[in-house]
Protein backbone atom coordinates (compact mmCIF):
# COMPACT_ATOMS: atom_id res chain seq x y z
CA MET A 1 0.68 21.40 16.33
CA LYS A 2 1.99 18.94 13.73
CA ALA A 3 2.01 15.19 13.27
CA LEU A 4 4.11 12.46 11.67
CA PHE A 5 2.07 9.32 10.91
CA VAL A 6 4.37 6.34 10.20
CA VAL A 7 2.92 3.20 8.61
CA CYS A 8 5.15 0.13 8.28
CA ASP A 9 3.45 -2.08 5.72
CA GLY A 10 2.72 -5.59 7.03
CA MET A 11 5.07 -5.13 9.99
CA ALA A 12 2.78 -6.90 12.45
CA ASP A 13 2.95 -10.68 12.47
CA ARG A 14 1.99 -13.85 14.28
CA PRO A 15 4.37 -15.83 16.52
CA VAL A 16 7.03 -17.39 14.30
CA GLU A 17 8.46 -20.85 14.95
CA GLU A 18 11.97 -19.85 13.81
CA LEU A 19 11.92 -16.96 16.30
CA GLY A 20 11.03 -19.09 19.31
CA ARG A 21 7.30 -18.44 18.94
CA LYS A 22 7.82 -14.70 19.09
CA THR A 23 6.90 -12.09 16.50
CA PRO A 24 9.56 -10.16 14.54
CA LEU A 25 8.67 -7.04 16.56
CA GLN A 26 9.32 -8.91 19.80
CA VAL A 27 12.71 -10.14 18.60
CA ALA A 28 13.97 -7.02 16.82
CA GLU A 29 16.01 -4.40 18.66
CA THR A 30 13.74 -1.34 18.50
CA PRO A 31 14.88 1.18 21.13
CA ASN A 32 13.22 4.10 19.38
CA MET A 33 9.81 2.50 18.89
CA ASP A 34 10.02 1.29 22.49
CA ALA A 35 10.88 4.82 23.66
CA LEU A 36 7.91 6.16 21.70
CA ALA A 37 5.66 3.62 23.41
CA GLY A 38 7.15 4.48 26.79
CA LYS A 39 6.56 8.22 26.35
CA GLY A 40 3.10 7.88 24.85
CA ILE A 41 -0.06 5.85 24.67
CA THR A 42 -0.42 2.49 22.93
CA GLY A 43 -3.06 0.07 21.75
CA ILE A 44 -3.96 -2.37 19.01
CA VAL A 45 -5.83 -1.58 15.83
CA ASP A 46 -8.08 -3.60 13.55
CA PRO A 47 -7.27 -1.76 10.31
CA VAL A 48 -10.70 -2.44 8.75
CA ALA A 49 -12.61 -4.66 11.19
CA PRO A 50 -11.82 -7.47 13.64
CA GLY A 51 -10.87 -10.65 11.83
CA VAL A 52 -11.02 -9.08 8.36
CA PRO A 53 -7.75 -9.43 6.37
CA PRO A 54 -7.42 -6.02 4.68
CA GLY A 55 -5.76 -5.12 1.43
CA SER A 56 -3.19 -2.35 1.58
CA ASP A 57 -5.69 -0.12 -0.23
CA THR A 58 -8.57 -0.47 2.23
CA ALA A 59 -6.22 -0.53 5.23
CA ASN A 60 -4.46 2.74 4.39
CA MET A 61 -7.74 4.36 3.40
CA ALA A 62 -9.03 3.47 6.86
CA LEU A 63 -5.87 4.72 8.59
CA LEU A 64 -6.44 8.10 6.93
CA GLY A 65 -9.90 8.14 8.49
CA TYR A 66 -12.11 7.00 5.62
CA ASP A 67 -14.47 4.06 6.10
CA PRO A 68 -13.56 1.69 3.24
CA TYR A 69 -16.98 0.07 3.39
CA GLU A 70 -18.36 3.45 2.34
CA HIS A 71 -15.65 4.83 0.07
CA TYR A 72 -13.75 1.95 -1.56
CA THR A 73 -14.23 1.69 -5.33
CA GLY A 74 -11.55 -0.87 -6.21
CA ARG A 75 -7.77 -0.95 -6.20
CA GLY A 76 -7.10 -0.07 -9.82
CA GLY A 77 -8.35 3.50 -9.56
CA LEU A 78 -6.04 4.17 -6.63
CA GLU A 79 -3.05 2.66 -8.45
CA ALA A 80 -3.74 4.94 -11.41
CA LEU A 81 -3.96 8.04 -9.22
CA GLY A 82 -0.69 7.01 -7.59
CA VAL A 83 1.25 7.06 -10.86
CA GLY A 84 -0.06 10.53 -11.68
CA LEU A 85 -2.91 9.59 -14.00
CA ASP A 86 -6.18 11.48 -13.89
CA LEU A 87 -9.33 9.41 -14.21
CA ALA A 88 -12.73 10.35 -15.54
CA PRO A 89 -15.70 8.86 -13.66
CA THR A 90 -16.28 6.42 -16.53
CA ASP A 91 -12.68 5.13 -16.67
CA VAL A 92 -11.80 1.72 -15.25
CA ALA A 93 -8.28 0.91 -14.05
CA PHE A 94 -6.50 -2.30 -13.05
CA ARG A 95 -3.50 -3.12 -10.91
CA CYS A 96 -1.43 -5.52 -13.00
CA ASN A 97 1.56 -7.81 -12.45
CA PHE A 98 4.17 -9.00 -14.87
CA ALA A 99 4.24 -12.76 -14.26
CA THR A 100 6.07 -15.90 -15.35
CA LEU A 101 4.04 -18.60 -17.09
CA SER A 102 5.18 -22.13 -17.86
CA PRO A 103 4.89 -23.54 -21.41
CA SER A 104 1.69 -25.26 -20.30
CA GLY A 105 0.18 -21.93 -19.20
CA LEU A 106 0.50 -22.35 -15.45
CA VAL A 107 1.62 -19.37 -13.37
CA GLU A 108 5.11 -20.14 -12.04
CA ASP A 109 5.74 -16.76 -10.40
CA ARG A 110 3.09 -14.07 -9.97
CA ARG A 111 5.81 -11.41 -9.73
CA ALA A 112 8.23 -12.61 -12.46
CA GLY A 113 11.03 -12.89 -9.92
CA ARG A 114 10.36 -9.30 -8.80
CA ILE A 115 11.59 -8.11 -12.18
CA LYS A 116 13.66 -4.92 -12.01
CA SER A 117 11.80 -1.71 -12.74
CA GLN A 118 14.01 -0.83 -15.72
CA HIS A 119 13.32 -4.22 -17.32
CA ALA A 120 9.59 -3.83 -16.72
CA ALA A 121 9.75 -0.43 -18.42
CA GLN A 122 11.31 -2.00 -21.52
CA LEU A 123 8.60 -4.63 -21.72
CA ALA A 124 5.89 -2.04 -21.12
CA GLU A 125 7.12 -0.03 -24.09
CA ALA A 126 6.54 -3.07 -26.30
CA LEU A 127 3.00 -3.46 -24.96
CA ARG A 128 1.79 0.07 -25.57
CA GLY A 129 1.27 -0.37 -29.29
CA VAL A 130 -0.75 -3.55 -28.96
CA ALA A 131 -2.75 -1.97 -26.12
CA GLU A 132 -3.76 0.82 -28.47
CA GLU A 133 -4.64 -1.65 -31.23
CA VAL A 134 -6.82 -3.85 -29.05
CA GLY A 135 -8.47 -0.83 -27.44
CA SER A 136 -9.37 0.67 -30.83
CA GLU A 137 -11.15 -2.54 -31.75
CA PHE A 138 -13.48 -1.91 -28.80
CA GLY A 139 -13.64 1.87 -29.23
CA ILE A 140 -11.67 2.30 -26.00
CA ARG A 141 -8.35 4.00 -25.27
CA VAL A 142 -5.96 1.79 -23.30
CA GLU A 143 -2.95 2.99 -21.30
CA PHE A 144 -0.27 0.67 -19.89
CA VAL A 145 1.99 2.25 -17.24
CA PRO A 146 4.70 0.31 -15.32
CA THR A 147 5.27 1.38 -11.71
CA VAL A 148 7.71 -0.44 -9.35
CA GLU A 149 9.31 -3.81 -10.14
CA HIS A 150 6.61 -6.21 -11.41
CA ARG A 151 3.76 -3.81 -10.86
CA ALA A 152 1.87 -1.89 -13.54
CA VAL A 153 -1.39 -0.06 -14.16
CA VAL A 154 -3.77 -0.50 -17.08
CA VAL A 155 -6.42 2.16 -17.63
CA LEU A 156 -9.42 1.72 -19.92
CA ARG A 157 -10.80 5.07 -21.01
CA GLY A 158 -14.19 5.51 -22.61
CA GLU A 159 -17.91 4.92 -22.23
CA GLY A 160 -19.71 1.68 -21.58
CA LEU A 161 -17.22 0.17 -19.12
CA SER A 162 -17.69 -1.44 -15.70
CA ARG A 163 -15.48 -2.35 -12.74
CA ALA A 164 -17.73 -5.35 -12.04
CA VAL A 165 -15.32 -7.86 -13.59
CA SER A 166 -13.16 -10.59 -12.09
CA ASP A 167 -9.37 -10.83 -11.86
CA THR A 168 -7.23 -12.90 -14.22
CA ASP A 169 -4.69 -13.41 -11.43
CA PRO A 170 -5.23 -16.89 -9.92
CA GLY A 171 -3.76 -15.65 -6.63
CA GLU A 172 -1.14 -18.37 -6.28
CA ALA A 173 1.44 -20.22 -8.33
CA GLY A 174 0.69 -23.52 -10.02
CA ARG A 175 -2.62 -22.44 -11.47
CA PRO A 176 -3.56 -21.18 -14.94
CA VAL A 177 -4.41 -17.57 -15.70
CA LYS A 178 -8.11 -17.09 -15.08
CA PRO A 179 -10.38 -15.66 -17.76
CA CYS A 180 -11.86 -12.29 -16.86
CA ALA A 181 -15.59 -12.68 -16.27
CA PRO A 182 -18.44 -10.19 -15.72
CA LEU A 183 -19.65 -10.06 -12.14
CA ASP A 184 -23.11 -8.84 -13.06
CA GLY A 185 -25.42 -9.16 -16.04
CA THR A 186 -24.80 -5.73 -17.55
CA PRO A 187 -23.55 -5.28 -21.11
CA GLU A 188 -20.86 -2.93 -19.74
CA ALA A 189 -19.39 -5.70 -17.56
CA ARG A 190 -19.48 -8.20 -20.41
CA ARG A 191 -17.75 -5.75 -22.74
CA THR A 192 -15.08 -4.90 -20.18
CA ALA A 193 -14.34 -8.59 -19.55
CA GLN A 194 -14.02 -9.25 -23.30
CA LEU A 195 -11.58 -6.36 -23.63
CA VAL A 196 -9.45 -7.56 -20.71
CA ASN A 197 -9.29 -11.09 -22.13
CA ALA A 198 -8.24 -9.74 -25.53
CA LEU A 199 -5.52 -7.62 -23.93
CA SER A 200 -4.31 -10.53 -21.82
CA GLU A 201 -3.95 -12.79 -24.87
CA ARG A 202 -2.20 -10.20 -27.03
CA PHE A 203 0.13 -9.14 -24.21
CA ARG A 204 1.25 -12.72 -23.78
CA GLU A 205 2.02 -13.05 -27.49
CA VAL A 206 4.18 -9.91 -27.45
CA LEU A 207 6.00 -10.81 -24.24
CA GLU A 208 6.74 -14.38 -25.34
CA ALA A 209 8.55 -12.99 -28.39
CA HIS A 210 10.40 -10.19 -26.61
CA PRO A 211 14.21 -10.70 -26.67
CA LEU A 212 14.64 -9.40 -23.11
CA ASN A 213 12.72 -12.38 -21.78
CA LYS A 214 15.36 -14.70 -23.15
CA GLU A 215 17.91 -13.02 -20.85
CA LEU A 216 15.93 -12.77 -17.60
CA PRO A 217 16.21 -15.49 -14.92
CA LYS A 218 12.43 -15.62 -14.89
CA PRO A 219 10.74 -14.40 -18.09
CA ALA A 220 7.98 -11.83 -17.63
CA ASN A 221 5.83 -13.44 -20.31
CA ALA A 222 2.34 -12.56 -19.10
CA VAL A 223 0.34 -9.78 -17.49
CA LEU A 224 -2.13 -10.55 -14.71
CA PHE A 225 -5.08 -8.19 -14.20
CA ARG A 226 -6.67 -7.58 -10.82
CA GLY A 227 -8.51 -5.03 -8.72
CA ALA A 228 -10.70 -3.32 -11.31
CA GLY A 229 -11.60 0.06 -9.92
CA THR A 230 -12.80 3.58 -10.53
CA VAL A 231 -11.68 6.84 -8.94
CA PRO A 232 -12.94 7.21 -5.34
CA ARG A 233 -14.63 10.41 -4.23
CA LEU A 234 -13.06 11.36 -0.91
CA LYS A 235 -13.46 14.65 0.89
CA PRO A 236 -9.86 15.93 1.19
CA LEU A 237 -8.23 15.97 4.61
CA GLY A 238 -7.61 19.67 4.12
CA GLU A 239 -11.36 20.27 4.06
CA LEU A 240 -12.08 17.85 6.88
CA TYR A 241 -9.45 19.16 9.29
CA GLY A 242 -7.98 22.32 7.78
CA ILE A 243 -4.52 20.79 7.51
CA ARG A 244 -1.80 20.93 4.90
CA GLY A 245 -0.56 17.38 4.47
CA ALA A 246 2.05 15.40 2.54
CA CYS A 247 2.66 11.77 1.66
CA ILE A 248 5.99 9.96 1.45
CA SER A 249 5.73 6.59 -0.27
CA ALA A 250 7.25 4.92 -3.32
CA VAL A 251 4.25 2.60 -3.79
CA ALA A 252 1.72 3.69 -6.40
CA LEU A 253 -1.22 2.29 -4.47
CA ILE A 254 -0.41 4.21 -1.29
CA ARG A 255 0.35 7.37 -3.24
CA GLY A 256 -3.04 6.97 -4.91
CA VAL A 257 -4.86 6.68 -1.59
CA CYS A 258 -3.02 9.76 -0.32
CA ARG A 259 -3.66 11.71 -3.51
CA ALA A 260 -7.37 10.90 -3.28
CA ALA A 261 -7.23 12.23 0.30
CA GLY A 262 -5.73 15.49 -0.92
CA LEU A 263 -2.17 15.01 0.35
CA GLU A 264 0.82 16.38 -1.56
CA LEU A 265 2.97 13.57 -2.98
CA LEU A 266 6.68 14.02 -2.22
CA ASP A 267 9.22 12.27 -4.45
CA VAL A 268 12.12 11.24 -2.22
CA PRO A 269 15.37 10.26 -3.99
CA GLY A 270 16.30 6.71 -3.07
CA ALA A 271 12.77 5.69 -2.05
CA THR A 272 12.17 2.52 -4.06
CA GLY A 273 9.31 0.68 -2.39
CA SER A 274 11.59 -2.34 -2.02
CA TYR A 275 14.34 -3.75 0.22
CA ASP A 276 16.88 -1.20 -0.96
CA THR A 277 14.78 1.85 -0.13
CA ASP A 278 16.60 4.74 1.56
CA LEU A 279 14.84 4.91 4.92
CA ASN A 280 17.01 7.73 6.25
CA ALA A 281 16.09 9.86 3.25
CA LYS A 282 12.38 9.20 3.76
CA PHE A 283 12.44 10.21 7.43
CA SER A 284 14.65 13.23 6.81
CA TRP A 285 12.25 14.42 4.11
CA ALA A 286 9.39 14.01 6.57
CA VAL A 287 11.17 16.20 9.11
CA ARG A 288 11.93 18.74 6.40
CA ALA A 289 8.28 18.80 5.30
CA LEU A 290 7.07 19.42 8.86
CA ASP A 291 9.68 22.16 9.31
CA GLY A 292 8.65 23.64 5.97
CA GLY A 293 5.01 24.20 6.80
CA ALA A 294 3.23 20.85 6.54
CA ASP A 295 0.89 20.07 9.42
CA PHE A 296 0.75 16.36 8.72
CA VAL A 297 3.05 13.85 7.02
CA PHE A 298 1.98 10.30 6.17
CA LEU A 299 5.14 8.18 5.80
CA HIS A 300 4.74 4.67 4.41
CA VAL A 301 7.41 1.92 4.30
CA LYS A 302 6.71 -1.09 2.08
CA ALA A 303 9.68 -3.42 2.64
CA THR A 304 8.45 -5.17 5.81
CA ASP A 305 5.46 -6.47 3.85
CA LEU A 306 7.72 -7.80 1.09
CA ALA A 307 9.73 -9.80 3.62
CA SER A 308 6.62 -11.60 4.84
CA HIS A 309 5.42 -12.29 1.31
CA ASP A 310 8.87 -13.75 0.62
CA HIS A 311 8.84 -15.79 3.88
CA ALA A 312 12.13 -14.07 4.78
CA VAL A 313 12.23 -14.20 8.59
CA ASP A 314 15.67 -12.70 9.16
CA LYS A 315 15.05 -10.03 6.52
CA LYS A 316 11.90 -8.85 8.26
CA VAL A 317 13.68 -8.52 11.60
CA GLU A 318 16.52 -6.65 9.90
CA LEU A 319 14.11 -4.25 8.18
CA ILE A 320 12.28 -3.49 11.41
CA GLU A 321 15.60 -2.58 13.02
CA ARG A 322 16.52 -0.39 10.04
CA ILE A 323 13.20 1.42 10.28
CA ASP A 324 13.71 1.93 14.00
CA ASP A 325 17.15 3.42 13.41
CA ALA A 326 15.80 5.88 10.80
CA LEU A 327 12.89 6.74 13.09
CA GLY A 328 15.38 7.54 15.84
CA SER A 329 17.07 10.17 13.70
CA ALA A 330 13.70 11.77 13.03
CA LEU A 331 12.73 11.73 16.70
CA ASN A 332 15.98 13.50 17.55
CA ALA A 333 15.09 16.25 15.09
CA LEU A 334 11.46 16.65 16.20
CA ASP A 335 10.18 18.31 19.36
CA LEU A 336 7.86 15.73 20.95
CA GLY A 337 7.68 17.88 24.04
CA GLY A 338 6.70 20.96 22.09
CA ASP A 339 4.49 20.90 19.01
CA VAL A 340 4.91 17.52 17.28
CA TYR A 341 3.05 14.22 17.64
CA VAL A 342 4.40 10.96 16.23
CA LEU A 343 2.25 7.91 15.56
CA VAL A 344 3.69 4.54 14.49
CA THR A 345 1.65 1.55 13.38
CA ALA A 346 1.25 -1.07 10.64
CA ASP A 347 -1.46 -1.18 8.00
CA HIS A 348 -2.07 -4.91 8.49
CA THR A 349 -0.57 -8.13 9.75
CA THR A 350 1.36 -10.09 7.10
CA SER A 351 2.25 -13.59 8.21
CA LEU A 352 5.74 -14.86 7.52
CA ARG A 353 4.34 -18.40 7.53
CA THR A 354 1.44 -17.94 5.11
CA GLY A 355 2.85 -15.00 3.16
CA ASN A 356 -0.63 -13.45 3.28
CA HIS A 357 -2.38 -10.50 4.88
CA GLU A 358 -4.24 -11.68 7.97
CA GLY A 359 -7.11 -10.26 10.00
CA ASP A 360 -5.09 -9.87 13.23
CA PRO A 361 -4.82 -6.46 14.93
CA VAL A 362 -1.65 -4.38 14.73
CA PRO A 363 0.17 -2.35 17.40
CA VAL A 364 0.05 1.44 17.57
CA ALA A 365 2.03 3.97 19.61
CA LEU A 366 1.28 7.68 19.79
CA ALA A 367 3.47 10.21 21.59
CA GLY A 368 3.49 13.98 21.83
CA PRO A 369 3.14 16.96 24.15
CA GLU A 370 -0.35 16.32 25.55
CA VAL A 371 -0.72 12.56 25.22
CA ARG A 372 -1.82 10.74 28.38
CA PRO A 373 0.91 8.07 28.70
CA ASP A 374 0.13 4.53 29.73
CA ARG A 375 2.46 1.98 31.36
CA VAL A 376 3.55 0.17 28.19
CA ASP A 377 7.24 0.53 27.35
CA ARG A 378 7.59 -1.98 24.48
CA PHE A 379 6.32 -1.68 20.93
CA ASP A 380 5.02 -5.04 19.81
CA GLU A 381 1.72 -6.81 19.27
CA MET A 382 1.38 -8.27 22.76
CA SER A 383 2.72 -5.33 24.80
CA CYS A 384 0.56 -2.73 23.06
CA ALA A 385 -2.57 -4.86 23.61
CA SER A 386 -2.58 -3.65 27.24
CA GLY A 387 -2.21 0.04 26.33
CA GLY A 388 -4.47 2.97 27.04
CA LEU A 389 -5.91 3.21 23.53
CA CYS A 390 -7.25 -0.32 24.02
CA ARG A 391 -8.54 -1.89 20.78
CA LEU A 392 -9.93 0.32 18.05
CA ARG A 393 -10.52 0.43 14.31
CA GLY A 394 -8.19 2.01 11.81
CA LYS A 395 -10.58 4.79 10.89
CA ASP A 396 -10.51 6.02 14.52
CA LEU A 397 -6.81 6.93 14.53
CA MET A 398 -7.09 10.12 12.47
CA PRO A 399 -9.82 11.70 14.64
CA ILE A 400 -7.76 10.85 17.75
CA LEU A 401 -4.66 12.43 16.22
CA MET A 402 -6.50 15.45 14.82
CA ASN A 403 -8.17 16.05 18.19
CA LEU A 404 -4.71 16.35 19.75
CA LEU A 405 -3.77 18.81 17.01
CA GLY A 406 -6.88 20.88 17.83
CA ARG A 407 -8.43 20.20 14.42
CA VAL A 408 -11.69 18.46 15.36
CA LYS A 409 -14.91 20.46 15.77
CA LYS A 410 -17.17 19.94 18.76
CA PHE A 411 -20.11 17.60 18.16
CA GLY A 412 -23.27 19.15 19.60
CA PHE A 413 -23.68 22.34 21.64
């Protein structure tokens, strides 16, 4: 038995005024997701806990079966793993954004207009030297690695560091960059905060003077630090369930969660982590991986989340329909009546109105050869709420799926 686990980032939503008080999933034409719901069992999922807005890190960790309250050690460590960096237990990593600051120091755009990845790479090259200089002043090695669009990772390597420091990202436009502060009274936290503040100041000086920023519509003239973290210690899924698994995602954070879980990271040509991602390529690679010996494929799509963050109502509906079309091709190639299970869900609700992750549950549909089907035949937030899986937490999905695959040991005698 094999399984394809599809996660559409931020796909779930609240009723939207522009859509007649319906959600994007209710409005979008999704014949393949609906068919999956009709053939299988459905429900709604609180990714972390009821009413708790989850980050993509904690949500996907939970969907893979790990309790984030027990295992989560900060976002930065996962981002670093996702770009292929190895972390020592003493290293501290940050998820960073290139951002646009006004002359007065206020954040105008936390994502620098979603700067193109190739432009971010040019700016990152200019920052590496100053990162090394500042790090040497503290006796620490500093690495700056750009990932996708505005996103980057900064890793602090050495002794005497702590992840107990605050973000410099104010979280919204119109506010100044926040100073990094220690979150406890340890000398390690104070030292780490001082280093981050020194890096933040020097990065801004270099970026302000960079010629590329004179050409960009929105200059990437600052770096915002957030999500200080260390490497998590997860028992690999291969040891937990005896499976060989793979991950398909272009997002460093998700790749990091999957790498920590012991999944093989597949690099799919055309997978960008943005609106232009090649969805057909991602699903065809998933089918190929399952045909090639993988027992489990975790396929993540980021673009639906971006649409909500950008308050792009029509774009979100369009993306859901594109995902459904690519899913249909995969379903045609897989044997749901034979040895393959397919699960589709979202990692969290992202509201088109607020642009934020919310603590609302998300729909899930699971179909395959020995699933007990319910009477739901639509895949959306309201329809799935009456399904046979009822309401459960994200960490429960993997045991349910692995039980169907015959991979869960009996509890007791």
